[in-house]
Amino acid sequence: MSDPLRRVDALVEEDTLPTPQVRQQLRLAAGLTQAEVAEAIGVKRLAVARWEAGLTQPHRGNRRTYAHLLRRLAAKHPAAAVEEVPDEE
């Protein structure tokens, strides 16, 4: 998603998740550990690590909860919700 409006839409749709990079940036901006996020969602820390690495995606129920958490974090830390796009030369 290179279009900024599409990235914003992805943050506000009920179960759409931002990119793994943005997921991690939001967590770090909030000062949360993977273990804290995992405990809040009801999964193991390894699951959050895999979600942030883009190796796996959360299942439906966890996905909605995780998306809700990320939307709340994005509202508090909007600068962290922006995906860095590498410069093209």
N, C-alpha and C. Protein backbone atom coordinates (compact mmCIF):
# COMPACT_ATOMS: atom_id res chain seq x y z
N MET A 1 0.84 -1.18 0.00
CA MET A 1 0.00 0.00 0.00
C MET A 1 0.88 1.24 0.00
N SER A 2 1.03 1.83 -1.12
CA SER A 2 1.87 3.02 -1.17
C SER A 2 1.05 4.29 -1.01
N ASP A 3 -0.24 4.24 -1.24
CA ASP A 3 -1.12 5.39 -1.14
C ASP A 3 -1.42 5.68 0.34
N PRO A 4 -1.11 6.90 0.82
CA PRO A 4 -1.35 7.22 2.24
C PRO A 4 -2.80 7.02 2.67
N LEU A 5 -3.75 7.33 1.81
CA LEU A 5 -5.15 7.16 2.19
C LEU A 5 -5.50 5.70 2.40
N ARG A 6 -4.95 4.83 1.60
CA ARG A 6 -5.20 3.40 1.78
C ARG A 6 -4.58 2.90 3.08
N ARG A 7 -3.41 3.45 3.45
CA ARG A 7 -2.79 3.04 4.71
C ARG A 7 -3.64 3.48 5.89
N VAL A 8 -4.21 4.68 5.81
CA VAL A 8 -5.09 5.17 6.87
C VAL A 8 -6.34 4.29 6.95
N ASP A 9 -6.94 3.99 5.79
CA ASP A 9 -8.12 3.13 5.77
C ASP A 9 -7.82 1.79 6.43
N ALA A 10 -6.64 1.25 6.18
CA ALA A 10 -6.27 -0.03 6.75
C ALA A 10 -6.22 0.03 8.27
N LEU A 11 -5.88 1.19 8.81
CA LEU A 11 -5.82 1.32 10.27
C LEU A 11 -7.19 1.43 10.90
N VAL A 12 -8.18 1.90 10.16
CA VAL A 12 -9.48 2.11 10.77
C VAL A 12 -10.51 1.03 10.46
N GLU A 13 -10.27 0.19 9.47
CA GLU A 13 -11.18 -0.91 9.22
C GLU A 13 -11.08 -1.90 10.37
N GLU A 14 -12.20 -2.55 10.64
CA GLU A 14 -12.32 -3.36 11.85
C GLU A 14 -11.24 -4.43 12.02
N ASP A 15 -10.94 -5.18 10.98
CA ASP A 15 -9.96 -6.26 11.16
C ASP A 15 -8.80 -6.21 10.18
N THR A 16 -8.60 -5.06 9.56
CA THR A 16 -7.46 -4.89 8.67
C THR A 16 -6.27 -4.43 9.49
N LEU A 17 -5.14 -5.05 9.23
CA LEU A 17 -3.93 -4.73 9.99
C LEU A 17 -2.96 -3.92 9.14
N PRO A 18 -2.23 -3.01 9.78
CA PRO A 18 -1.16 -2.31 9.06
C PRO A 18 -0.01 -3.27 8.79
N THR A 19 0.98 -2.80 8.08
CA THR A 19 2.14 -3.64 7.77
C THR A 19 2.83 -4.08 9.06
N PRO A 20 3.56 -5.18 9.00
CA PRO A 20 4.30 -5.62 10.20
C PRO A 20 5.21 -4.53 10.77
N GLN A 21 5.85 -3.75 9.90
CA GLN A 21 6.74 -2.68 10.37
C GLN A 21 5.96 -1.67 11.20
N VAL A 22 4.78 -1.28 10.74
CA VAL A 22 3.97 -0.30 11.46
C VAL A 22 3.45 -0.89 12.76
N ARG A 23 3.11 -2.17 12.76
CA ARG A 23 2.66 -2.83 14.00
C ARG A 23 3.72 -2.68 15.09
N GLN A 24 4.97 -2.97 14.70
CA GLN A 24 6.07 -2.86 15.67
C GLN A 24 6.29 -1.41 16.09
N GLN A 25 6.26 -0.50 15.13
CA GLN A 25 6.47 0.92 15.45
C GLN A 25 5.42 1.42 16.45
N LEU A 26 4.17 1.01 16.27
CA LEU A 26 3.11 1.44 17.18
C LEU A 26 3.35 0.89 18.58
N ARG A 27 3.72 -0.38 18.66
CA ARG A 27 3.98 -0.99 19.97
C ARG A 27 5.13 -0.27 20.67
N LEU A 28 6.20 -0.04 19.93
CA LEU A 28 7.37 0.61 20.53
C LEU A 28 7.06 2.05 20.93
N ALA A 29 6.28 2.76 20.12
CA ALA A 29 5.92 4.14 20.45
C ALA A 29 5.12 4.20 21.75
N ALA A 30 4.36 3.15 22.01
CA ALA A 30 3.57 3.10 23.24
C ALA A 30 4.37 2.58 24.43
N GLY A 31 5.61 2.16 24.17
CA GLY A 31 6.45 1.64 25.25
C GLY A 31 6.02 0.28 25.74
N LEU A 32 5.40 -0.51 24.86
CA LEU A 32 4.92 -1.84 25.24
C LEU A 32 5.89 -2.91 24.75
N THR A 33 5.96 -3.99 25.51
CA THR A 33 6.73 -5.15 25.08
C THR A 33 5.82 -6.09 24.31
N GLN A 34 6.43 -7.00 23.59
CA GLN A 34 5.64 -8.02 22.90
C GLN A 34 4.86 -8.85 23.92
N ALA A 35 5.45 -9.10 25.07
CA ALA A 35 4.78 -9.88 26.10
C ALA A 35 3.54 -9.16 26.62
N GLU A 36 3.62 -7.86 26.79
CA GLU A 36 2.47 -7.09 27.25
C GLU A 36 1.34 -7.11 26.22
N VAL A 37 1.69 -6.97 24.95
CA VAL A 37 0.68 -7.03 23.89
C VAL A 37 0.06 -8.42 23.86
N ALA A 38 0.89 -9.44 23.95
CA ALA A 38 0.40 -10.82 23.94
C ALA A 38 -0.56 -11.08 25.09
N GLU A 39 -0.22 -10.61 26.27
CA GLU A 39 -1.08 -10.81 27.44
C GLU A 39 -2.43 -10.11 27.25
N ALA A 40 -2.40 -8.91 26.70
CA ALA A 40 -3.64 -8.16 26.49
C ALA A 40 -4.55 -8.87 25.49
N ILE A 41 -3.96 -9.50 24.48
CA ILE A 41 -4.75 -10.16 23.43
C ILE A 41 -5.12 -11.58 23.84
N GLY A 42 -4.29 -12.19 24.68
CA GLY A 42 -4.55 -13.56 25.12
C GLY A 42 -3.82 -14.60 24.28
N VAL A 43 -2.62 -14.22 23.82
CA VAL A 43 -1.79 -15.15 23.03
C VAL A 43 -0.40 -15.19 23.65
N LYS A 44 0.45 -16.03 23.08
CA LYS A 44 1.84 -16.10 23.54
C LYS A 44 2.66 -14.99 22.88
N ARG A 45 3.75 -14.61 23.53
CA ARG A 45 4.62 -13.57 23.01
C ARG A 45 5.14 -13.93 21.62
N LEU A 46 5.42 -15.20 21.41
CA LEU A 46 5.93 -15.63 20.11
C LEU A 46 4.95 -15.31 18.98
N ALA A 47 3.66 -15.38 19.26
CA ALA A 47 2.66 -15.05 18.24
C ALA A 47 2.80 -13.58 17.82
N VAL A 48 2.95 -12.70 18.80
CA VAL A 48 3.12 -11.27 18.49
C VAL A 48 4.41 -11.04 17.71
N ALA A 49 5.47 -11.72 18.10
CA ALA A 49 6.75 -11.60 17.38
C ALA A 49 6.58 -12.03 15.92
N ARG A 50 5.84 -13.09 15.69
CA ARG A 50 5.63 -13.57 14.32
C ARG A 50 4.74 -12.60 13.53
N TRP A 51 3.75 -12.02 14.19
CA TRP A 51 2.88 -11.04 13.51
C TRP A 51 3.71 -9.82 13.10
N GLU A 52 4.57 -9.36 13.99
CA GLU A 52 5.40 -8.18 13.69
C GLU A 52 6.46 -8.47 12.64
N ALA A 53 6.87 -9.72 12.54
CA ALA A 53 7.85 -10.10 11.53
C ALA A 53 7.19 -10.41 10.18
N GLY A 54 5.87 -10.47 10.18
CA GLY A 54 5.15 -10.78 8.95
C GLY A 54 5.19 -12.26 8.59
N LEU A 55 5.55 -13.10 9.55
CA LEU A 55 5.63 -14.53 9.29
C LEU A 55 4.27 -15.21 9.35
N THR A 56 3.40 -14.71 10.21
CA THR A 56 2.05 -15.26 10.34
C THR A 56 1.07 -14.10 10.55
N GLN A 57 -0.20 -14.42 10.44
CA GLN A 57 -1.27 -13.45 10.68
C GLN A 57 -2.14 -13.98 11.81
N PRO A 58 -2.70 -13.11 12.63
CA PRO A 58 -3.59 -13.58 13.70
C PRO A 58 -4.89 -14.15 13.12
N HIS A 59 -5.44 -15.12 13.82
CA HIS A 59 -6.73 -15.69 13.44
C HIS A 59 -7.83 -14.67 13.71
N ARG A 60 -9.01 -14.90 13.20
CA ARG A 60 -10.12 -13.93 13.18
C ARG A 60 -10.35 -13.21 14.52
N GLY A 61 -10.58 -13.93 15.59
CA GLY A 61 -10.85 -13.29 16.89
C GLY A 61 -9.68 -12.48 17.39
N ASN A 62 -8.49 -13.05 17.30
CA ASN A 62 -7.29 -12.34 17.72
C ASN A 62 -7.00 -11.17 16.79
N ARG A 63 -7.32 -11.35 15.52
CA ARG A 63 -7.09 -10.29 14.53
C ARG A 63 -7.92 -9.06 14.87
N ARG A 64 -9.18 -9.24 15.22
CA ARG A 64 -10.04 -8.10 15.58
C ARG A 64 -9.50 -7.39 16.83
N THR A 65 -9.09 -8.17 17.82
CA THR A 65 -8.56 -7.59 19.05
C THR A 65 -7.25 -6.85 18.78
N TYR A 66 -6.38 -7.46 18.01
CA TYR A 66 -5.09 -6.86 17.68
C TYR A 66 -5.30 -5.58 16.86
N ALA A 67 -6.20 -5.63 15.89
CA ALA A 67 -6.50 -4.45 15.07
C ALA A 67 -7.05 -3.33 15.94
N HIS A 68 -7.89 -3.67 16.91
CA HIS A 68 -8.44 -2.66 17.82
C HIS A 68 -7.32 -2.02 18.63
N LEU A 69 -6.43 -2.83 19.15
CA LEU A 69 -5.29 -2.31 19.91
C LEU A 69 -4.45 -1.38 19.03
N LEU A 70 -4.16 -1.81 17.81
CA LEU A 70 -3.33 -1.00 16.92
C LEU A 70 -4.01 0.31 16.55
N ARG A 71 -5.31 0.31 16.36
CA ARG A 71 -6.04 1.56 16.08
C ARG A 71 -5.94 2.51 17.25
N ARG A 72 -6.08 1.98 18.46
CA ARG A 72 -5.97 2.82 19.66
C ARG A 72 -4.56 3.40 19.78
N LEU A 73 -3.55 2.57 19.52
CA LEU A 73 -2.17 3.04 19.59
C LEU A 73 -1.90 4.09 18.51
N ALA A 74 -2.46 3.89 17.32
CA ALA A 74 -2.28 4.85 16.22
C ALA A 74 -2.91 6.18 16.57
N ALA A 75 -4.03 6.16 17.27
CA ALA A 75 -4.69 7.41 17.68
C ALA A 75 -3.82 8.18 18.68
N LYS A 76 -3.13 7.44 19.55
CA LYS A 76 -2.27 8.08 20.55
C LYS A 76 -0.90 8.46 19.99
N HIS A 77 -0.45 7.72 18.98
CA HIS A 77 0.90 7.91 18.43
C HIS A 77 0.82 7.95 16.90
N PRO A 78 0.19 8.98 16.34
CA PRO A 78 -0.02 9.00 14.88
C PRO A 78 1.27 8.97 14.05
N ALA A 79 2.34 9.52 14.57
CA ALA A 79 3.60 9.51 13.81
C ALA A 79 4.12 8.09 13.62
N ALA A 80 3.83 7.21 14.56
CA ALA A 80 4.29 5.82 14.47
C ALA A 80 3.48 5.01 13.47
N ALA A 81 2.32 5.53 13.08
CA ALA A 81 1.45 4.81 12.15
C ALA A 81 1.84 5.02 10.70
N VAL A 82 2.90 5.77 10.47
CA VAL A 82 3.32 6.07 9.10
C VAL A 82 4.42 5.09 8.71
N GLU A 83 4.19 4.43 7.59
CA GLU A 83 5.19 3.49 7.09
C GLU A 83 6.26 4.27 6.35
N GLU A 84 7.51 3.98 6.67
CA GLU A 84 8.60 4.65 5.99
C GLU A 84 8.80 4.00 4.62
N VAL A 85 8.79 4.84 3.59
CA VAL A 85 8.99 4.37 2.23
C VAL A 85 10.41 4.74 1.83
N PRO A 86 11.21 3.76 1.40
CA PRO A 86 12.59 4.10 1.03
C PRO A 86 12.65 5.07 -0.14
N ASP A 87 13.64 5.95 -0.10
CA ASP A 87 13.83 6.91 -1.19
C ASP A 87 14.26 6.18 -2.45
N GLU A 88 13.67 6.58 -3.56
CA GLU A 88 14.08 6.03 -4.85
C GLU A 88 14.99 7.04 -5.52
N GLU A 89 16.11 6.57 -5.97
CA GLU A 89 17.05 7.50 -6.60
C GLU A 89 17.11 7.30 -8.08
